[in-house]
Amino acid sequence: MKFVHRFAYYLIGLIMGCFFVALVFSGKDTRCNYFPNARVLNNLRTKPFQYSDKAIQTLNEKWVDTSDIRKTLTYGDVDFDQSNVPFKKGKLYIIEGKTSKDQEIILKVVNYENKAILDEIVKKPVEK
């Protein structure tokens, strides 16, 4: 069999394989969260998210807003040394992020079985 024929069979198989893979994965909401930080943040984002009274009071001060909270819950870093501890019948997670004005913030989020509550928003102290 000539090389051209073998190459044609290879391309036909490759195209059919790509078609079936695309068909299988196109209708599903698949995510590849392999690392612990990504898994925790994804878990918190997919649950109904609520704000505590203390967090609402901080949001009313206007130095941080809900878009900063969403950005931190997407791109933030979970501090696992202080996180995953029992807190008010849930688990407390400490997440570090930044506001749109580059102010570093710390979110204290309580993760329950069926919801997540933003307990507190704190400005990160400036280290010298």
N, C-alpha and C. Protein backbone atom coordinates (compact mmCIF):
# COMPACT_ATOMS: atom_id res chain seq x y z
N MET A 1 0.85 -1.18 0.00
CA MET A 1 0.00 0.00 0.00
C MET A 1 0.90 1.24 0.00
N LYS A 2 0.55 2.17 -0.84
CA LYS A 2 1.36 3.38 -0.98
C LYS A 2 1.16 4.29 0.23
N PHE A 3 2.12 5.15 0.40
CA PHE A 3 2.08 6.11 1.51
C PHE A 3 0.86 7.02 1.42
N VAL A 4 0.50 7.43 0.23
CA VAL A 4 -0.64 8.34 0.05
C VAL A 4 -1.93 7.67 0.53
N HIS A 5 -2.09 6.38 0.24
CA HIS A 5 -3.28 5.66 0.69
C HIS A 5 -3.31 5.52 2.21
N ARG A 6 -2.15 5.19 2.78
CA ARG A 6 -2.08 5.07 4.25
C ARG A 6 -2.37 6.41 4.91
N PHE A 7 -1.85 7.48 4.36
CA PHE A 7 -2.07 8.81 4.91
C PHE A 7 -3.54 9.21 4.80
N ALA A 8 -4.19 8.86 3.70
CA ALA A 8 -5.61 9.16 3.52
C ALA A 8 -6.45 8.41 4.56
N TYR A 9 -6.14 7.11 4.77
CA TYR A 9 -6.86 6.35 5.80
C TYR A 9 -6.64 6.95 7.19
N TYR A 10 -5.42 7.38 7.46
CA TYR A 10 -5.10 8.01 8.75
C TYR A 10 -5.93 9.28 8.93
N LEU A 11 -5.99 10.14 7.93
CA LEU A 11 -6.75 11.38 8.03
C LEU A 11 -8.24 11.12 8.20
N ILE A 12 -8.77 10.15 7.51
CA ILE A 12 -10.20 9.82 7.65
C ILE A 12 -10.48 9.35 9.08
N GLY A 13 -9.64 8.50 9.61
CA GLY A 13 -9.81 8.03 10.99
C GLY A 13 -9.65 9.15 12.00
N LEU A 14 -8.70 10.02 11.76
CA LEU A 14 -8.48 11.15 12.66
C LEU A 14 -9.68 12.09 12.68
N ILE A 15 -10.21 12.38 11.52
CA ILE A 15 -11.37 13.28 11.43
C ILE A 15 -12.58 12.65 12.09
N MET A 16 -12.81 11.36 11.86
CA MET A 16 -13.95 10.69 12.49
C MET A 16 -13.77 10.64 14.02
N GLY A 17 -12.56 10.40 14.49
CA GLY A 17 -12.30 10.37 15.93
C GLY A 17 -12.53 11.73 16.57
N CYS A 18 -12.05 12.79 15.92
CA CYS A 18 -12.27 14.15 16.44
C CYS A 18 -13.75 14.49 16.47
N PHE A 19 -14.47 14.05 15.45
CA PHE A 19 -15.91 14.30 15.41
C PHE A 19 -16.61 13.64 16.60
N PHE A 20 -16.28 12.39 16.87
CA PHE A 20 -16.93 11.68 17.98
C PHE A 20 -16.54 12.25 19.34
N VAL A 21 -15.30 12.65 19.50
CA VAL A 21 -14.87 13.28 20.76
C VAL A 21 -15.60 14.60 20.96
N ALA A 22 -15.71 15.40 19.91
CA ALA A 22 -16.43 16.67 20.00
C ALA A 22 -17.91 16.43 20.29
N LEU A 23 -18.48 15.40 19.71
CA LEU A 23 -19.88 15.07 19.95
C LEU A 23 -20.13 14.68 21.40
N VAL A 24 -19.21 13.92 21.98
CA VAL A 24 -19.37 13.46 23.36
C VAL A 24 -19.23 14.62 24.35
N PHE A 25 -18.24 15.48 24.15
CA PHE A 25 -17.96 16.52 25.12
C PHE A 25 -18.71 17.83 24.88
N SER A 26 -19.37 18.01 23.76
CA SER A 26 -20.01 19.30 23.47
C SER A 26 -21.25 19.54 24.33
N GLY A 27 -22.01 18.53 24.67
CA GLY A 27 -23.24 18.73 25.42
C GLY A 27 -23.05 18.71 26.91
N LYS A 28 -21.85 18.45 27.38
CA LYS A 28 -21.62 18.32 28.82
C LYS A 28 -20.91 19.55 29.37
N ASP A 29 -21.19 19.82 30.62
CA ASP A 29 -20.50 20.91 31.31
C ASP A 29 -19.28 20.31 32.02
N THR A 30 -18.24 20.05 31.24
CA THR A 30 -17.06 19.38 31.80
C THR A 30 -16.05 20.40 32.28
N ARG A 31 -15.43 20.09 33.41
CA ARG A 31 -14.37 20.93 33.97
C ARG A 31 -13.23 20.03 34.37
N CYS A 32 -12.03 20.55 34.28
CA CYS A 32 -10.85 19.79 34.67
C CYS A 32 -10.19 20.50 35.85
N ASN A 33 -10.71 20.27 37.04
CA ASN A 33 -10.16 20.89 38.24
C ASN A 33 -9.34 19.85 38.99
N TYR A 34 -8.08 19.76 38.65
CA TYR A 34 -7.24 18.74 39.24
C TYR A 34 -6.59 19.19 40.54
N PHE A 35 -6.35 20.48 40.69
CA PHE A 35 -5.63 20.96 41.86
C PHE A 35 -6.60 21.37 42.96
N PRO A 36 -6.20 21.26 44.22
CA PRO A 36 -7.10 21.56 45.34
C PRO A 36 -7.64 22.99 45.31
N ASN A 37 -6.81 23.95 44.96
CA ASN A 37 -7.25 25.35 44.92
C ASN A 37 -8.41 25.51 43.93
N ALA A 38 -8.27 24.95 42.74
CA ALA A 38 -9.31 25.07 41.72
C ALA A 38 -10.58 24.33 42.14
N ARG A 39 -10.43 23.18 42.81
CA ARG A 39 -11.62 22.43 43.23
C ARG A 39 -12.41 23.19 44.28
N VAL A 40 -11.72 23.79 45.25
CA VAL A 40 -12.41 24.54 46.31
C VAL A 40 -13.12 25.75 45.72
N LEU A 41 -12.44 26.51 44.87
CA LEU A 41 -13.05 27.70 44.29
C LEU A 41 -14.24 27.33 43.40
N ASN A 42 -14.13 26.25 42.64
CA ASN A 42 -15.24 25.81 41.80
C ASN A 42 -16.43 25.37 42.66
N ASN A 43 -16.16 24.68 43.75
CA ASN A 43 -17.22 24.25 44.66
C ASN A 43 -17.96 25.45 45.23
N LEU A 44 -17.22 26.49 45.63
CA LEU A 44 -17.85 27.68 46.20
C LEU A 44 -18.64 28.46 45.15
N ARG A 45 -18.16 28.50 43.91
CA ARG A 45 -18.86 29.25 42.85
C ARG A 45 -20.13 28.57 42.40
N THR A 46 -20.19 27.24 42.46
CA THR A 46 -21.35 26.54 41.93
C THR A 46 -22.51 26.48 42.91
N LYS A 47 -22.28 26.76 44.17
CA LYS A 47 -23.35 26.72 45.17
C LYS A 47 -24.05 28.08 45.24
N PRO A 48 -25.29 28.11 45.76
CA PRO A 48 -25.93 29.41 46.02
C PRO A 48 -25.07 30.21 46.99
N PHE A 49 -24.76 31.45 46.63
CA PHE A 49 -23.83 32.27 47.41
C PHE A 49 -24.60 33.37 48.12
N GLN A 50 -24.37 33.49 49.43
CA GLN A 50 -25.04 34.50 50.24
C GLN A 50 -24.01 35.35 50.97
N TYR A 51 -24.46 36.50 51.45
CA TYR A 51 -23.59 37.43 52.18
C TYR A 51 -24.08 37.57 53.60
N SER A 52 -23.15 37.58 54.55
CA SER A 52 -23.53 37.81 55.95
C SER A 52 -23.74 39.31 56.15
N ASP A 53 -24.28 39.67 57.31
CA ASP A 53 -24.51 41.08 57.62
C ASP A 53 -23.19 41.85 57.68
N LYS A 54 -22.16 41.22 58.21
CA LYS A 54 -20.85 41.87 58.30
C LYS A 54 -20.28 42.12 56.90
N ALA A 55 -20.46 41.17 55.98
CA ALA A 55 -19.97 41.33 54.61
C ALA A 55 -20.75 42.42 53.88
N ILE A 56 -22.06 42.47 54.08
CA ILE A 56 -22.88 43.52 53.45
C ILE A 56 -22.46 44.89 53.96
N GLN A 57 -22.16 44.98 55.23
CA GLN A 57 -21.71 46.25 55.81
C GLN A 57 -20.39 46.68 55.16
N THR A 58 -19.48 45.74 54.93
CA THR A 58 -18.20 46.05 54.28
C THR A 58 -18.43 46.45 52.83
N LEU A 59 -19.34 45.76 52.13
CA LEU A 59 -19.63 46.13 50.74
C LEU A 59 -20.23 47.53 50.64
N ASN A 60 -20.96 47.96 51.65
CA ASN A 60 -21.55 49.30 51.65
C ASN A 60 -20.51 50.39 51.86
N GLU A 61 -19.30 50.03 52.28
CA GLU A 61 -18.23 51.02 52.45
C GLU A 61 -17.63 51.43 51.10
N LYS A 62 -17.96 50.74 50.03
CA LYS A 62 -17.62 51.08 48.64
C LYS A 62 -16.14 50.92 48.27
N TRP A 63 -15.29 50.35 49.10
CA TRP A 63 -13.91 50.11 48.69
C TRP A 63 -13.76 48.75 48.02
N VAL A 64 -14.79 47.93 48.12
CA VAL A 64 -14.82 46.63 47.46
C VAL A 64 -16.25 46.41 46.96
N ASP A 65 -16.39 45.71 45.84
CA ASP A 65 -17.74 45.43 45.33
C ASP A 65 -17.86 43.96 44.94
N THR A 66 -19.05 43.60 44.48
CA THR A 66 -19.32 42.19 44.20
C THR A 66 -18.51 41.65 43.03
N SER A 67 -18.12 42.50 42.09
CA SER A 67 -17.27 42.02 40.99
C SER A 67 -15.89 41.62 41.51
N ASP A 68 -15.39 42.33 42.53
CA ASP A 68 -14.13 41.93 43.16
C ASP A 68 -14.27 40.59 43.87
N ILE A 69 -15.42 40.36 44.46
CA ILE A 69 -15.68 39.09 45.14
C ILE A 69 -15.70 37.95 44.12
N ARG A 70 -16.41 38.15 43.01
CA ARG A 70 -16.47 37.13 41.96
C ARG A 70 -15.09 36.85 41.38
N LYS A 71 -14.31 37.91 41.17
CA LYS A 71 -12.96 37.74 40.62
C LYS A 71 -12.07 36.97 41.60
N THR A 72 -12.21 37.25 42.88
CA THR A 72 -11.42 36.54 43.88
C THR A 72 -11.85 35.08 43.97
N LEU A 73 -13.15 34.81 43.83
CA LEU A 73 -13.62 33.42 43.86
C LEU A 73 -13.25 32.66 42.59
N THR A 74 -12.82 33.37 41.56
CA THR A 74 -12.39 32.71 40.33
C THR A 74 -10.87 32.56 40.28
N TYR A 75 -10.14 33.60 40.65
CA TYR A 75 -8.69 33.61 40.48
C TYR A 75 -7.92 33.67 41.81
N GLY A 76 -8.60 33.63 42.93
CA GLY A 76 -7.94 33.79 44.23
C GLY A 76 -7.14 32.58 44.65
N ASP A 77 -6.42 32.74 45.74
CA ASP A 77 -5.62 31.67 46.31
C ASP A 77 -6.20 31.28 47.66
N VAL A 78 -6.47 29.99 47.83
CA VAL A 78 -7.00 29.49 49.10
C VAL A 78 -5.81 29.24 50.04
N ASP A 79 -5.89 29.78 51.24
CA ASP A 79 -4.86 29.56 52.26
C ASP A 79 -5.23 28.29 53.03
N PHE A 80 -4.66 27.16 52.61
CA PHE A 80 -5.03 25.88 53.19
C PHE A 80 -4.49 25.69 54.61
N ASP A 81 -3.52 26.51 55.03
CA ASP A 81 -3.03 26.41 56.41
C ASP A 81 -4.10 26.84 57.40
N GLN A 82 -4.94 27.81 57.01
CA GLN A 82 -5.98 28.33 57.89
C GLN A 82 -7.37 27.86 57.49
N SER A 83 -7.49 27.17 56.38
CA SER A 83 -8.80 26.80 55.84
C SER A 83 -9.16 25.36 56.18
N ASN A 84 -10.38 25.00 55.74
CA ASN A 84 -10.94 23.65 55.91
C ASN A 84 -11.05 23.27 57.37
N VAL A 85 -11.42 24.24 58.20
CA VAL A 85 -11.62 23.99 59.63
C VAL A 85 -13.12 24.10 59.94
N PRO A 86 -13.63 23.31 60.86
CA PRO A 86 -15.05 23.40 61.20
C PRO A 86 -15.39 24.79 61.74
N PHE A 87 -16.51 25.34 61.26
CA PHE A 87 -16.91 26.69 61.65
C PHE A 87 -18.41 26.82 61.43
N LYS A 88 -19.17 27.04 62.46
CA LYS A 88 -20.63 27.22 62.39
C LYS A 88 -21.31 26.12 61.56
N LYS A 89 -21.02 24.88 61.85
CA LYS A 89 -21.59 23.70 61.18
C LYS A 89 -21.22 23.62 59.70
N GLY A 90 -20.18 24.30 59.30
CA GLY A 90 -19.68 24.25 57.94
C GLY A 90 -18.16 24.21 57.98
N LYS A 91 -17.53 24.56 56.88
CA LYS A 91 -16.07 24.64 56.83
C LYS A 91 -15.68 26.04 56.40
N LEU A 92 -14.71 26.61 57.10
CA LEU A 92 -14.23 27.96 56.81
C LEU A 92 -13.08 27.89 55.82
N TYR A 93 -13.16 28.73 54.79
CA TYR A 93 -12.07 28.85 53.81
C TYR A 93 -11.62 30.30 53.77
N ILE A 94 -10.30 30.49 53.80
CA ILE A 94 -9.67 31.81 53.71
C ILE A 94 -9.13 31.95 52.29
N ILE A 95 -9.62 32.96 51.56
CA ILE A 95 -9.24 33.14 50.16
C ILE A 95 -8.64 34.52 49.99
N GLU A 96 -7.46 34.57 49.42
CA GLU A 96 -6.76 35.84 49.19
C GLU A 96 -6.92 36.25 47.73
N GLY A 97 -7.17 37.55 47.53
CA GLY A 97 -7.34 38.07 46.18
C GLY A 97 -7.07 39.56 46.14
N LYS A 98 -7.47 40.20 45.04
CA LYS A 98 -7.26 41.63 44.86
C LYS A 98 -8.53 42.28 44.34
N THR A 99 -8.68 43.56 44.68
CA THR A 99 -9.78 44.34 44.13
C THR A 99 -9.35 44.90 42.77
N SER A 100 -10.24 45.60 42.11
CA SER A 100 -9.90 46.21 40.82
C SER A 100 -8.89 47.34 40.99
N LYS A 101 -8.74 47.86 42.21
CA LYS A 101 -7.77 48.93 42.50
C LYS A 101 -6.48 48.38 43.10
N ASP A 102 -6.23 47.07 42.95
CA ASP A 102 -5.04 46.37 43.43
C ASP A 102 -4.90 46.39 44.95
N GLN A 103 -5.99 46.55 45.67
CA GLN A 103 -6.00 46.42 47.13
C GLN A 103 -6.15 44.94 47.45
N GLU A 104 -5.21 44.38 48.21
CA GLU A 104 -5.29 42.97 48.54
C GLU A 104 -6.36 42.75 49.60
N ILE A 105 -7.19 41.72 49.39
CA ILE A 105 -8.28 41.42 50.31
C ILE A 105 -8.23 39.96 50.71
N ILE A 106 -8.87 39.68 51.83
CA ILE A 106 -9.02 38.32 52.32
C ILE A 106 -10.50 38.07 52.53
N LEU A 107 -11.02 37.01 51.89
CA LEU A 107 -12.41 36.61 52.06
C LEU A 107 -12.48 35.43 53.01
N LYS A 108 -13.40 35.49 53.95
CA LYS A 108 -13.65 34.36 54.84
C LYS A 108 -15.01 33.80 54.44
N VAL A 109 -15.00 32.62 53.83
CA VAL A 109 -16.21 32.01 53.29
C VAL A 109 -16.50 30.73 54.06
N VAL A 110 -17.75 30.58 54.49
CA VAL A 110 -18.19 29.36 55.17
C VAL A 110 -18.89 28.49 54.14
N ASN A 111 -18.38 27.28 53.96
CA ASN A 111 -18.91 26.36 52.96
C ASN A 111 -19.79 25.33 53.65
N TYR A 112 -21.09 25.37 53.35
CA TYR A 112 -22.04 24.39 53.88
C TYR A 112 -22.32 23.34 52.80
N GLU A 113 -23.11 22.36 53.15
CA GLU A 113 -23.44 21.28 52.21
C GLU A 113 -24.17 21.81 50.97
N ASN A 114 -25.08 22.77 51.16
CA ASN A 114 -25.90 23.22 50.04
C ASN A 114 -25.81 24.72 49.74
N LYS A 115 -24.92 25.43 50.42
CA LYS A 115 -24.75 26.87 50.16
C LYS A 115 -23.39 27.32 50.66
N ALA A 116 -23.00 28.52 50.25
CA ALA A 116 -21.76 29.15 50.72
C ALA A 116 -22.11 30.56 51.17
N ILE A 117 -21.55 30.96 52.30
CA ILE A 117 -21.83 32.28 52.86
C ILE A 117 -20.52 33.04 53.03
N LEU A 118 -20.46 34.24 52.44
CA LEU A 118 -19.32 35.13 52.65
C LEU A 118 -19.47 35.74 54.03
N ASP A 119 -18.61 35.32 54.95
CA ASP A 119 -18.73 35.75 56.34
C ASP A 119 -18.09 37.12 56.57
N GLU A 120 -16.93 37.34 55.95
CA GLU A 120 -16.21 38.58 56.24
C GLU A 120 -15.27 38.93 55.10
N ILE A 121 -15.07 40.24 54.88
CA ILE A 121 -14.12 40.77 53.91
C ILE A 121 -13.14 41.65 54.67
N VAL A 122 -11.85 41.35 54.53
CA VAL A 122 -10.83 42.07 55.30
C VAL A 122 -9.77 42.58 54.34
N LYS A 123 -9.30 43.82 54.59
CA LYS A 123 -8.14 44.32 53.86
C LYS A 123 -6.90 43.59 54.38
N LYS A 124 -6.09 43.12 53.47
CA LYS A 124 -4.88 42.41 53.88
C LYS A 124 -3.87 43.44 54.39
N PRO A 125 -3.29 43.18 55.58
CA PRO A 125 -2.32 44.14 56.12
C PRO A 125 -1.08 44.23 55.23
N VAL A 126 -0.53 45.42 55.14
CA VAL A 126 0.65 45.65 54.33
C VAL A 126 1.87 45.16 55.08
N GLU A 127 2.63 44.27 54.43
CA GLU A 127 3.84 43.71 55.07
C GLU A 127 5.03 44.58 54.73
N LYS A 128 5.89 44.80 55.73
CA LYS A 128 7.08 45.63 55.50
C LYS A 128 8.32 44.79 55.45
